[in-house]
Amino acid sequence: VANADQMMVVVALADPPPRTGLVDRALIAAYTGGLRPILCLTKTDLAPAEPFAEQFADLDLTVVTAGRDQPLEPVHQLLDGHTTVLLGHSGVGKSTLVNRLVPQADRATGDVSGVGKGRHTSTQSVALPLAAGGWVIDTPGLRSFGLAHIAPDDVVTAFSDLAAAVADCPRGCGHLGPPADPECALDALEGAPARRVAAARRLLTVLHQQRASPTGGETDRMRDQ
């Protein structure tokens, strides 16, 4: 989305159950596209946020909760003055969140059906102005990510503390580590940087799987694994 500087991924903590697949793919797109990623967790009355949020603890990811009865000041602090793309699966409460952020938006909402797809959900992207300045770009419940153009180096160099290390990697290194990349320089890192490597490699694994798919990652429909 032109002029966007942030991407907020909206994930429900239950109904539908949260999965990491969408978040991982969104992070790849955000990091390599120069967008600040934000994880917004909804339906906090149904499950605690910490177990899911902890899976992304070693990444540059801001996490905020937006339960139905929670105040939205923390969310506004992140969005006001920015242009933020909102995305998420159908039924996670994204349109409900948008209606709270922009009351005049009147975005369509619906319950989750038995097959896990929202009914009466939004079908078109729309830019909505925030009262304090900035915009939210509300996207449909399903979006496609084209990841085929993204190289492993694009992901790793998005992390400033890892970018220098990969300069010592052999040409063509995918940075996955052994056995695929036995000479990857990231394996020499220890302590906190090593944990960052593990987190980054999870994203690299997702990227590798998408690039190896029959579609080449061009028409991924956000299938969670």
Foldseek 3Di string as FASTA:
>chain_A
DPQAAAEEEEAECVQPHGFCLLVLLVLQCQLLVNHAYEYEYEPCVVDPDPVVVVLCVLDNYHYYYDYPPDDCVVVCVVFAAGEYEYEAAAARCPVVVVCVQPVVPPFFHAHQDPVGHGPRHDAAWDWDAGPRGYIYTYHTNWDADQLLVPALLSLQVSDVVRNVQQVPADPPALLLDPPVRPRGSQVPDDDSSVVSSVSSNVSSVSSVVCCPDPVNSGGDGSDGD
